[in-house]
Amino acid sequence: MKLPQRPGPAPRTRGPVPHGQLDQIAPTPLQEELWQRMRSLSGVYLAPTHVPYPEARAIHLAPEFGTGPDDAFIRSSREFAHQHPPQDGSLHLTLPDELKKSVTEAGWGVPHPVQNTQLVFGPRDRDELEVIWQVLLASYDYARGR
């Protein structure tokens, strides 16, 4: 996946636990649009996250929809992505190693310092929402074994 370069400097982050975004926070309507798209994917169900960030909203993939490798899921669960609360707006998701590298090099996020996930910065505008959506779909495809 070829990603455009994210404009501007990277947001400040915190972590490792909780790992998240501290500034350049996505507008709430864009966060909500991304969440509605995430939760509407085929085979996805909502359940608590498996990470120590209880306010995060997580999506999990039903076993009959996902045949991806173990590292396509967070902590041996069916969770493959979660969105942090509105004061943060970023998300963590699983990706193949080469795509994690692309996301980092293009400035869209950073690897989690402890877990095998990628922090993806929240969208600041509609163009960024579309790029982040494509990254999320790549995570979904990874969990599905595609």
C-alpha atoms as a PDB file:
ATOM      1  CA  MET A   1       0.000   0.000   0.000  1.00  0.00           C
ATOM      2  CA  LYS A   2       1.423   3.335  -1.085  1.00  0.00           C
ATOM      3  CA  LEU A   3       0.525   6.040   1.428  1.00  0.00           C
ATOM      4  CA  PRO A   4       0.802   9.783   0.864  1.00  0.00           C
ATOM      5  CA  GLN A   5       2.986  11.674   3.303  1.00  0.00           C
ATOM      6  CA  ARG A   6       0.989  13.038   6.267  1.00  0.00           C
ATOM      7  CA  PRO A   7       1.289  16.841   6.236  1.00  0.00           C
ATOM      8  CA  GLY A   8       2.973  18.670   9.086  1.00  0.00           C
ATOM      9  CA  PRO A   9       4.790  17.491  12.177  1.00  0.00           C
ATOM     10  CA  ALA A  10       3.735  14.355  14.025  1.00  0.00           C
ATOM     11  CA  PRO A  11       1.540  14.791  17.087  1.00  0.00           C
ATOM     12  CA  ARG A  12       3.051  14.301  20.513  1.00  0.00           C
ATOM     13  CA  THR A  13       2.341  10.878  21.987  1.00  0.00           C
ATOM     14  CA  ARG A  14       2.406   9.302  25.413  1.00  0.00           C
ATOM     15  CA  GLY A  15       3.084   5.785  26.470  1.00  0.00           C
ATOM     16  CA  PRO A  16       3.740   3.007  26.630  1.00  0.00           C
ATOM     17  CA  VAL A  17       0.641   2.483  28.804  1.00  0.00           C
ATOM     18  CA  PRO A  18      -1.642   4.001  27.848  1.00  0.00           C
ATOM     19  CA  HIS A  19      -0.189   4.734  24.450  1.00  0.00           C
ATOM     20  CA  GLY A  20      -1.971   7.548  22.648  1.00  0.00           C
ATOM     21  CA  GLN A  21      -2.023  10.930  20.972  1.00  0.00           C
ATOM     22  CA  LEU A  22      -1.703  14.166  22.980  1.00  0.00           C
ATOM     23  CA  ASP A  23      -2.298  16.945  20.448  1.00  0.00           C
ATOM     24  CA  GLN A  24      -3.614  17.559  16.905  1.00  0.00           C
ATOM     25  CA  ILE A  25      -6.757  15.770  18.112  1.00  0.00           C
ATOM     26  CA  ALA A  26      -9.245  14.710  15.442  1.00  0.00           C
ATOM     27  CA  PRO A  27     -12.532  16.639  15.442  1.00  0.00           C
ATOM     28  CA  THR A  28     -15.226  14.575  17.180  1.00  0.00           C
ATOM     29  CA  PRO A  29     -17.462  14.303  14.071  1.00  0.00           C
ATOM     30  CA  LEU A  30     -14.582  12.716  12.130  1.00  0.00           C
ATOM     31  CA  GLN A  31     -13.858  10.347  15.012  1.00  0.00           C
ATOM     32  CA  GLU A  32     -17.521   9.319  15.038  1.00  0.00           C
ATOM     33  CA  GLU A  33     -17.648   8.818  11.282  1.00  0.00           C
ATOM     34  CA  LEU A  34     -14.572   6.588  11.460  1.00  0.00           C
ATOM     35  CA  TRP A  35     -16.129   4.617  14.338  1.00  0.00           C
ATOM     36  CA  GLN A  36     -19.384   4.106  12.439  1.00  0.00           C
ATOM     37  CA  ARG A  37     -17.449   2.795   9.454  1.00  0.00           C
ATOM     38  CA  MET A  38     -15.362   0.507  11.671  1.00  0.00           C
ATOM     39  CA  ARG A  39     -18.334  -1.031  13.416  1.00  0.00           C
ATOM     40  CA  SER A  40     -20.211  -1.619  10.144  1.00  0.00           C
ATOM     41  CA  LEU A  41     -17.636  -3.976   8.606  1.00  0.00           C
ATOM     42  CA  SER A  42     -18.924  -7.480   7.858  1.00  0.00           C
ATOM     43  CA  GLY A  43     -18.254  -9.974  10.617  1.00  0.00           C
ATOM     44  CA  VAL A  44     -17.281  -7.307  13.148  1.00  0.00           C
ATOM     45  CA  TYR A  45     -18.726  -7.276  16.638  1.00  0.00           C
ATOM     46  CA  LEU A  46     -18.225  -4.828  19.492  1.00  0.00           C
ATOM     47  CA  ALA A  47     -16.699  -5.987  22.767  1.00  0.00           C
ATOM     48  CA  PRO A  48     -14.391  -4.517  25.416  1.00  0.00           C
ATOM     49  CA  THR A  49     -10.796  -3.926  24.441  1.00  0.00           C
ATOM     50  CA  HIS A  50      -8.066  -6.271  25.669  1.00  0.00           C
ATOM     51  CA  VAL A  51      -5.677  -3.445  26.513  1.00  0.00           C
ATOM     52  CA  PRO A  52      -5.482  -1.271  29.635  1.00  0.00           C
ATOM     53  CA  TYR A  53      -7.417   1.638  28.115  1.00  0.00           C
ATOM     54  CA  PRO A  54     -11.000   0.830  29.166  1.00  0.00           C
ATOM     55  CA  GLU A  55     -12.495   3.901  27.471  1.00  0.00           C
ATOM     56  CA  ALA A  56     -11.341   2.641  24.055  1.00  0.00           C
ATOM     57  CA  ARG A  57     -13.983   1.268  21.673  1.00  0.00           C
ATOM     58  CA  ALA A  58     -12.890  -2.020  20.152  1.00  0.00           C
ATOM     59  CA  ILE A  59     -13.887  -4.033  17.125  1.00  0.00           C
ATOM     60  CA  HIS A  60     -13.433  -7.790  17.027  1.00  0.00           C
ATOM     61  CA  LEU A  61     -13.797 -10.209  14.138  1.00  0.00           C
ATOM     62  CA  ALA A  62     -16.054 -13.248  14.394  1.00  0.00           C
ATOM     63  CA  PRO A  63     -14.021 -16.463  13.968  1.00  0.00           C
ATOM     64  CA  GLU A  64     -15.881 -17.500  10.825  1.00  0.00           C
ATOM     65  CA  PHE A  65     -14.802 -14.221   9.163  1.00  0.00           C
ATOM     66  CA  GLY A  66     -11.165 -14.160  10.267  1.00  0.00           C
ATOM     67  CA  THR A  67      -8.467 -16.624   9.400  1.00  0.00           C
ATOM     68  CA  GLY A  68      -5.541 -14.232   9.723  1.00  0.00           C
ATOM     69  CA  PRO A  69      -2.323 -15.061  11.564  1.00  0.00           C
ATOM     70  CA  ASP A  70      -2.127 -14.798  15.345  1.00  0.00           C
ATOM     71  CA  ASP A  71      -0.438 -11.388  15.155  1.00  0.00           C
ATOM     72  CA  ALA A  72      -3.436 -10.029  13.218  1.00  0.00           C
ATOM     73  CA  PHE A  73      -5.234  -9.950  16.574  1.00  0.00           C
ATOM     74  CA  ILE A  74      -4.479  -8.152  19.834  1.00  0.00           C
ATOM     75  CA  ARG A  75      -3.418 -10.286  22.804  1.00  0.00           C
ATOM     76  CA  SER A  76      -4.712 -13.641  21.541  1.00  0.00           C
ATOM     77  CA  SER A  77      -8.246 -12.262  21.247  1.00  0.00           C
ATOM     78  CA  ARG A  78     -10.489 -11.507  18.259  1.00  0.00           C
ATOM     79  CA  GLU A  79      -9.793  -7.753  18.578  1.00  0.00           C
ATOM     80  CA  PHE A  80      -7.884  -6.250  15.660  1.00  0.00           C
ATOM     81  CA  ALA A  81      -8.490  -2.513  16.213  1.00  0.00           C
ATOM     82  CA  HIS A  82      -9.709  -0.017  18.786  1.00  0.00           C
ATOM     83  CA  GLN A  83     -10.348   3.706  18.812  1.00  0.00           C
ATOM     84  CA  HIS A  84      -9.301   5.825  21.764  1.00  0.00           C
ATOM     85  CA  PRO A  85     -11.720   8.214  23.505  1.00  0.00           C
ATOM     86  CA  PRO A  86     -12.472  11.684  22.057  1.00  0.00           C
ATOM     87  CA  GLN A  87      -9.762  13.512  24.019  1.00  0.00           C
ATOM     88  CA  ASP A  88      -7.225  11.348  22.123  1.00  0.00           C
ATOM     89  CA  GLY A  89      -8.941  10.196  18.897  1.00  0.00           C
ATOM     90  CA  SER A  90      -6.165   7.927  17.649  1.00  0.00           C
ATOM     91  CA  LEU A  91      -6.473   4.189  17.152  1.00  0.00           C
ATOM     92  CA  HIS A  92      -4.422   1.046  17.490  1.00  0.00           C
ATOM     93  CA  LEU A  93      -4.638  -1.710  14.951  1.00  0.00           C
ATOM     94  CA  THR A  94      -2.759  -4.725  13.714  1.00  0.00           C
ATOM     95  CA  LEU A  95      -0.942  -4.676  10.382  1.00  0.00           C
ATOM     96  CA  PRO A  96       1.609  -6.790   8.544  1.00  0.00           C
ATOM     97  CA  ASP A  97       5.167  -5.614   9.275  1.00  0.00           C
ATOM     98  CA  GLU A  98       5.745  -4.019   5.859  1.00  0.00           C
ATOM     99  CA  LEU A  99       2.570  -1.932   6.190  1.00  0.00           C
ATOM    100  CA  LYS A 100       3.465  -0.857   9.741  1.00  0.00           C
ATOM    101  CA  LYS A 101       6.737   0.392   8.308  1.00  0.00           C
ATOM    102  CA  SER A 102       4.905   2.292   5.529  1.00  0.00           C
ATOM    103  CA  VAL A 103       2.510   3.911   8.026  1.00  0.00           C
ATOM    104  CA  THR A 104       5.434   5.044  10.173  1.00  0.00           C
ATOM    105  CA  GLU A 105       7.568   6.295   7.272  1.00  0.00           C
ATOM    106  CA  ALA A 106       4.651   8.289   5.797  1.00  0.00           C
ATOM    107  CA  GLY A 107       4.002   9.916   9.194  1.00  0.00           C
ATOM    108  CA  TRP A 108       0.520   8.429   9.832  1.00  0.00           C
ATOM    109  CA  GLY A 109       1.473   6.750  13.089  1.00  0.00           C
ATOM    110  CA  VAL A 110       4.069   5.021  15.214  1.00  0.00           C
ATOM    111  CA  PRO A 111       4.569   1.469  16.423  1.00  0.00           C
ATOM    112  CA  HIS A 112       3.374   0.656  19.927  1.00  0.00           C
ATOM    113  CA  PRO A 113       6.473   0.542  22.170  1.00  0.00           C
ATOM    114  CA  VAL A 114       5.435  -2.764  23.811  1.00  0.00           C
ATOM    115  CA  GLN A 115       2.656  -4.485  21.851  1.00  0.00           C
ATOM    116  CA  ASN A 116       2.627  -5.653  18.260  1.00  0.00           C
ATOM    117  CA  THR A 117       0.228  -2.909  17.116  1.00  0.00           C
ATOM    118  CA  GLN A 118       0.449   0.373  15.258  1.00  0.00           C
ATOM    119  CA  LEU A 119      -0.798   3.668  16.669  1.00  0.00           C
ATOM    120  CA  VAL A 120      -2.515   5.561  13.841  1.00  0.00           C
ATOM    121  CA  PHE A 121      -3.119   9.256  14.429  1.00  0.00           C
ATOM    122  CA  GLY A 122      -6.694  10.526  14.334  1.00  0.00           C
ATOM    123  CA  PRO A 123      -7.900  12.290  11.162  1.00  0.00           C
ATOM    124  CA  ARG A 124      -7.705  16.088  11.213  1.00  0.00           C
ATOM    125  CA  ASP A 125      -9.784  16.481   8.053  1.00  0.00           C
ATOM    126  CA  ARG A 126     -11.792  14.484   5.504  1.00  0.00           C
ATOM    127  CA  ASP A 127      -8.767  13.720   3.312  1.00  0.00           C
ATOM    128  CA  GLU A 128      -6.955  12.232   6.293  1.00  0.00           C
ATOM    129  CA  LEU A 129     -10.077  10.270   7.227  1.00  0.00           C
ATOM    130  CA  GLU A 130      -9.958   8.548   3.829  1.00  0.00           C
ATOM    131  CA  VAL A 131      -6.273   7.617   4.196  1.00  0.00           C
ATOM    132  CA  ILE A 132      -6.838   6.268   7.711  1.00  0.00           C
ATOM    133  CA  TRP A 133      -9.872   4.337   6.498  1.00  0.00           C
ATOM    134  CA  GLN A 134      -7.688   2.616   3.890  1.00  0.00           C
ATOM    135  CA  VAL A 135      -5.181   1.669   6.614  1.00  0.00           C
ATOM    136  CA  LEU A 136      -8.033   0.328   8.770  1.00  0.00           C
ATOM    137  CA  LEU A 137      -9.300  -1.742   5.825  1.00  0.00           C
ATOM    138  CA  ALA A 138      -5.802  -3.201   5.445  1.00  0.00           C
ATOM    139  CA  SER A 139      -5.940  -4.221   9.120  1.00  0.00           C
ATOM    140  CA  TYR A 140      -9.372  -5.790   8.540  1.00  0.00           C
ATOM    141  CA  ASP A 141      -8.053  -7.695   5.525  1.00  0.00           C
ATOM    142  CA  TYR A 142      -5.064  -8.889   7.591  1.00  0.00           C
ATOM    143  CA  ALA A 143      -7.408 -10.199  10.302  1.00  0.00           C
ATOM    144  CA  ARG A 144      -9.511 -11.891   7.624  1.00  0.00           C
ATOM    145  CA  GLY A 145      -6.444 -13.664   6.266  1.00  0.00           C
ATOM    146  CA  ARG A 146      -6.404 -11.829   2.951  1.00  0.00           C
END
